[in-house]
Amino acid sequence: MTNKYIVAASILSADFLRLKESIAECEAAGADWIHVDVMDGNFVPNITMGPFLVATFKRATQLPLDVHLMIEKPERYLEAFAKAGASHLTVHVETCPQLPETLKQIRSLGCLAGVTLNPATPVSTIEPVLHLADLVLVLSVNPGFSGQTFMPETVSKVAQIRKKLDEIHSSAYLEVDGGISTETLPKMKDAGANAFVSATAIFKYPKGIEAGINALRMSLRGTQ
């Protein structure tokens, strides 16, 4: 397990009229990654962004681009996203019948290979590929839209996965996404997560992006 705690800013909640400035604010405030949610309107009931926007984000920041593919047949687009500048590519167990091969393909493209599962999907579905994963993402809301309410039952899922990763001596990031705020982040940290994706708590924070990121960092230290 890595000793560093990662704060990833989910660009889905940013003001797209001032996107470059918002990304720069995240970088200046100490965000570690920019998280990019890609949705196709099939696997989830929303449509967002593709490789072109990932390439645009790449020009706007030096931060790693943490790309979460909430799409059917993601293997068709892995190379395009890698070429666009993705640092990490995370796919869903629910959409990848040949998951081991997909994770190996991601690694062959020079990206960290991530696997994720929906809140209702059991941990057992990803256990066979944990040794191939550089990142495991646990969703704490149902995928599709930003701003949803945190599902507390996912805390135990994080603890389950942390135990399994430790058993195989994996250094994979254990990432969480969905309703992550100063109130919920410590619960996920205590369960074993070490990478935290936040959207609303950063981009909609009343005092601005920098203050939002600082508040999340403070919650990692056990204070508000």
Protein backbone atom coordinates (compact mmCIF):
# COMPACT_ATOMS: atom_id res chain seq x y z
CA MET A 1 0.00 0.00 0.00
CA THR A 2 1.33 3.42 -0.94
CA ASN A 3 1.84 5.85 1.95
CA LYS A 4 0.67 8.84 -0.04
CA TYR A 5 -2.95 9.94 0.06
CA ILE A 6 -4.27 11.13 -3.28
CA VAL A 7 -6.87 13.84 -3.80
CA ALA A 8 -8.34 13.71 -7.32
CA ALA A 9 -10.53 16.52 -8.64
CA SER A 10 -13.41 15.21 -10.74
CA ILE A 11 -13.69 17.54 -13.71
CA LEU A 12 -17.33 16.61 -14.32
CA SER A 13 -18.43 19.24 -11.78
CA ALA A 14 -16.19 22.01 -13.08
CA ASP A 15 -17.45 25.15 -14.79
CA PHE A 16 -16.74 24.31 -18.43
CA LEU A 17 -16.87 28.01 -19.37
CA ARG A 18 -13.67 28.49 -17.37
CA LEU A 19 -12.25 25.00 -17.55
CA LYS A 20 -8.60 25.93 -18.05
CA GLU A 21 -8.67 28.26 -15.06
CA SER A 22 -10.41 25.66 -12.89
CA ILE A 23 -7.83 23.01 -13.73
CA ALA A 24 -5.03 25.48 -12.98
CA GLU A 25 -6.64 26.25 -9.62
CA CYS A 26 -6.77 22.54 -8.78
CA GLU A 27 -3.12 22.11 -9.68
CA ALA A 28 -2.05 25.18 -7.69
CA ALA A 29 -4.08 24.03 -4.68
CA GLY A 30 -2.28 20.69 -4.55
CA ALA A 31 -4.66 18.27 -6.24
CA ASP A 32 -2.80 15.11 -7.22
CA TRP A 33 -4.88 13.90 -10.17
CA ILE A 34 -7.58 15.19 -12.49
CA HIS A 35 -10.36 12.60 -12.63
CA VAL A 36 -12.24 12.27 -15.92
CA ASP A 37 -15.58 10.44 -16.05
CA VAL A 38 -16.34 9.07 -19.51
CA MET A 39 -19.97 7.97 -20.04
CA ASP A 40 -21.58 6.62 -23.18
CA GLY A 41 -25.34 6.79 -22.48
CA ASN A 42 -25.55 2.98 -22.58
CA PHE A 43 -23.79 1.56 -19.54
CA VAL A 44 -24.87 4.63 -17.55
CA PRO A 45 -27.74 7.06 -18.27
CA ASN A 46 -25.58 10.02 -19.20
CA ILE A 47 -23.19 11.11 -21.95
CA THR A 48 -20.05 13.07 -21.16
CA MET A 49 -16.65 13.33 -22.80
CA GLY A 50 -14.34 11.46 -25.14
CA PRO A 51 -10.67 11.35 -26.18
CA PHE A 52 -10.78 14.86 -27.67
CA LEU A 53 -11.53 16.43 -24.29
CA VAL A 54 -8.93 14.26 -22.57
CA ALA A 55 -6.38 15.61 -25.05
CA THR A 56 -7.58 19.13 -24.20
CA PHE A 57 -7.16 18.51 -20.47
CA LYS A 58 -3.68 17.13 -21.16
CA ARG A 59 -2.68 20.46 -22.68
CA ALA A 60 -4.01 22.30 -19.64
CA THR A 61 -2.20 20.45 -16.85
CA GLN A 62 0.84 18.48 -15.80
CA LEU A 63 -1.24 16.40 -13.40
CA PRO A 64 -2.00 12.74 -14.17
CA LEU A 65 -5.34 12.22 -15.91
CA ASP A 66 -7.30 9.53 -14.09
CA VAL A 67 -9.79 8.36 -16.73
CA HIS A 68 -12.78 6.27 -15.62
CA LEU A 69 -14.47 4.53 -18.55
CA MET A 70 -18.15 4.00 -17.77
CA ILE A 71 -18.80 2.63 -21.23
CA GLU A 72 -19.71 -0.56 -23.06
CA LYS A 73 -16.88 -2.42 -24.79
CA PRO A 74 -14.14 -0.11 -23.46
CA GLU A 75 -11.44 -2.15 -25.20
CA ARG A 76 -12.44 -0.42 -28.46
CA TYR A 77 -11.29 2.95 -27.11
CA LEU A 78 -8.32 2.21 -24.87
CA GLU A 79 -5.70 3.16 -27.45
CA ALA A 80 -7.50 6.41 -28.31
CA PHE A 81 -7.65 7.50 -24.68
CA ALA A 82 -4.04 6.50 -24.07
CA LYS A 83 -2.91 8.51 -27.09
CA ALA A 84 -5.01 11.46 -25.88
CA GLY A 85 -2.96 11.55 -22.68
CA ALA A 86 -4.68 9.38 -20.08
CA SER A 87 -2.33 8.34 -17.28
CA HIS A 88 -4.74 5.81 -15.78
CA LEU A 89 -7.53 3.90 -17.51
CA THR A 90 -10.16 2.27 -15.30
CA VAL A 91 -12.74 -0.14 -16.67
CA HIS A 92 -15.79 -1.82 -15.15
CA VAL A 93 -15.96 -5.50 -14.35
CA GLU A 94 -19.57 -5.38 -15.58
CA THR A 95 -18.55 -4.39 -19.12
CA CYS A 96 -15.42 -6.51 -19.65
CA PRO A 97 -15.99 -10.21 -20.29
CA GLN A 98 -12.25 -10.60 -20.95
CA LEU A 99 -11.14 -8.45 -18.02
CA PRO A 100 -7.61 -9.88 -17.55
CA GLU A 101 -6.79 -9.22 -21.21
CA THR A 102 -8.25 -5.72 -20.99
CA LEU A 103 -6.11 -4.83 -17.98
CA LYS A 104 -3.02 -6.22 -19.70
CA GLN A 105 -3.84 -4.16 -22.79
CA ILE A 106 -4.08 -1.00 -20.69
CA ARG A 107 -0.66 -1.67 -19.19
CA SER A 108 0.79 -2.32 -22.65
CA LEU A 109 -0.37 1.19 -23.63
CA GLY A 110 1.72 2.71 -20.84
CA CYS A 111 -1.17 3.52 -18.50
CA LEU A 112 -1.97 2.37 -15.00
CA ALA A 113 -4.66 -0.30 -15.24
CA GLY A 114 -7.72 0.19 -13.07
CA VAL A 115 -10.76 -1.94 -12.34
CA THR A 116 -14.00 -0.81 -10.77
CA LEU A 117 -17.39 -2.18 -9.81
CA ASN A 118 -20.82 -0.70 -9.21
CA PRO A 119 -22.12 -0.47 -5.63
CA ALA A 120 -24.37 -3.51 -6.07
CA THR A 121 -21.65 -5.67 -7.65
CA PRO A 122 -19.93 -8.04 -5.18
CA VAL A 123 -16.23 -7.82 -4.46
CA SER A 124 -15.81 -11.44 -5.57
CA THR A 125 -16.21 -10.37 -9.21
CA ILE A 126 -12.90 -8.48 -9.21
CA GLU A 127 -10.94 -10.72 -6.87
CA PRO A 128 -9.50 -12.86 -9.73
CA VAL A 129 -7.86 -9.82 -11.35
CA LEU A 130 -6.63 -7.88 -8.33
CA HIS A 131 -3.06 -9.02 -9.04
CA LEU A 132 -3.29 -7.32 -12.46
CA ALA A 133 -4.66 -4.01 -11.19
CA ASP A 134 -2.62 -0.89 -10.50
CA LEU A 135 -5.77 0.79 -9.20
CA VAL A 136 -9.06 -0.43 -7.76
CA LEU A 137 -11.95 2.03 -7.79
CA VAL A 138 -14.93 1.62 -5.47
CA LEU A 139 -17.99 3.65 -6.40
CA SER A 140 -19.89 4.98 -3.41
CA VAL A 141 -22.83 6.14 -5.56
CA ASN A 142 -24.52 4.60 -8.56
CA PRO A 143 -22.65 5.78 -11.66
CA GLY A 144 -24.01 8.37 -14.06
CA PHE A 145 -24.35 11.75 -12.38
CA SER A 146 -22.33 14.01 -10.11
CA GLY A 147 -23.71 15.29 -6.82
CA GLN A 148 -25.32 12.08 -5.56
CA THR A 149 -25.59 11.08 -1.90
CA PHE A 150 -22.86 8.89 -0.43
CA MET A 151 -23.87 5.26 0.15
CA PRO A 152 -22.54 4.28 3.60
CA GLU A 153 -22.79 0.55 2.86
CA THR A 154 -19.83 0.92 0.48
CA VAL A 155 -17.44 1.54 3.39
CA SER A 156 -17.42 -2.18 4.20
CA LYS A 157 -16.71 -2.94 0.54
CA VAL A 158 -13.58 -0.78 0.72
CA ALA A 159 -12.48 -2.62 3.85
CA GLN A 160 -13.01 -5.96 2.08
CA ILE A 161 -10.91 -4.91 -0.89
CA ARG A 162 -8.17 -3.45 1.31
CA LYS A 163 -7.90 -6.79 3.10
CA LYS A 164 -7.64 -8.68 -0.18
CA LEU A 165 -5.05 -6.28 -1.61
CA ASP A 166 -2.95 -6.58 1.52
CA GLU A 167 -3.16 -10.37 1.39
CA ILE A 168 -1.55 -10.40 -2.05
CA HIS A 169 0.90 -7.61 -1.11
CA SER A 170 -0.49 -5.36 -3.82
CA SER A 171 0.62 -1.74 -4.03
CA ALA A 172 -2.45 -0.80 -6.10
CA TYR A 173 -4.24 2.42 -5.27
CA LEU A 174 -7.58 1.87 -3.58
CA GLU A 175 -9.67 4.73 -4.90
CA VAL A 176 -13.17 5.86 -3.91
CA ASP A 177 -15.58 8.08 -5.81
CA GLY A 178 -19.07 9.34 -5.04
CA GLY A 179 -20.20 11.80 -2.40
CA ILE A 180 -16.66 12.19 -1.08
CA SER A 181 -16.56 15.17 1.29
CA THR A 182 -14.90 16.19 4.55
CA GLU A 183 -17.49 14.05 6.35
CA THR A 184 -17.22 10.88 4.26
CA LEU A 185 -13.53 10.92 3.32
CA PRO A 186 -12.28 9.95 6.83
CA LYS A 187 -14.62 6.94 6.85
CA MET A 188 -13.17 5.71 3.58
CA LYS A 189 -9.62 6.42 4.75
CA ASP A 190 -10.20 4.38 7.91
CA ALA A 191 -11.55 1.53 5.76
CA GLY A 192 -8.31 1.49 3.74
CA ALA A 193 -8.76 3.83 0.78
CA ASN A 194 -5.82 5.99 -0.22
CA ALA A 195 -7.13 7.87 -3.27
CA PHE A 196 -10.20 10.08 -3.03
CA VAL A 197 -12.15 11.49 -5.96
CA SER A 198 -14.24 14.55 -5.21
CA ALA A 199 -16.39 16.68 -7.47
CA THR A 200 -18.94 18.81 -5.64
CA ALA A 201 -16.75 19.21 -2.53
CA ILE A 202 -14.08 20.84 -4.73
CA PHE A 203 -15.78 22.61 -7.61
CA LYS A 204 -18.93 23.63 -5.73
CA TYR A 205 -17.24 24.45 -2.43
CA PRO A 206 -18.64 27.77 -1.16
CA LYS A 207 -15.22 29.34 -0.63
CA GLY A 208 -13.74 28.13 -3.92
CA ILE A 209 -11.62 25.33 -5.34
CA GLU A 210 -8.50 25.95 -3.26
CA ALA A 211 -10.46 26.04 -0.02
CA GLY A 212 -12.32 22.87 -1.00
CA ILE A 213 -9.11 20.94 -1.64
CA ASN A 214 -7.59 22.30 1.58
CA ALA A 215 -10.65 21.16 3.53
CA LEU A 216 -10.31 17.64 2.13
CA ARG A 217 -6.62 17.60 3.05
CA MET A 218 -7.50 18.72 6.58
CA SER A 219 -10.04 15.92 6.89
CA LEU A 220 -7.27 13.45 5.98
CA ARG A 221 -5.37 14.72 9.00
CA GLY A 222 -8.39 14.23 11.23
CA THR A 223 -9.42 17.88 11.52
CA GLN A 224 -11.97 20.08 9.77
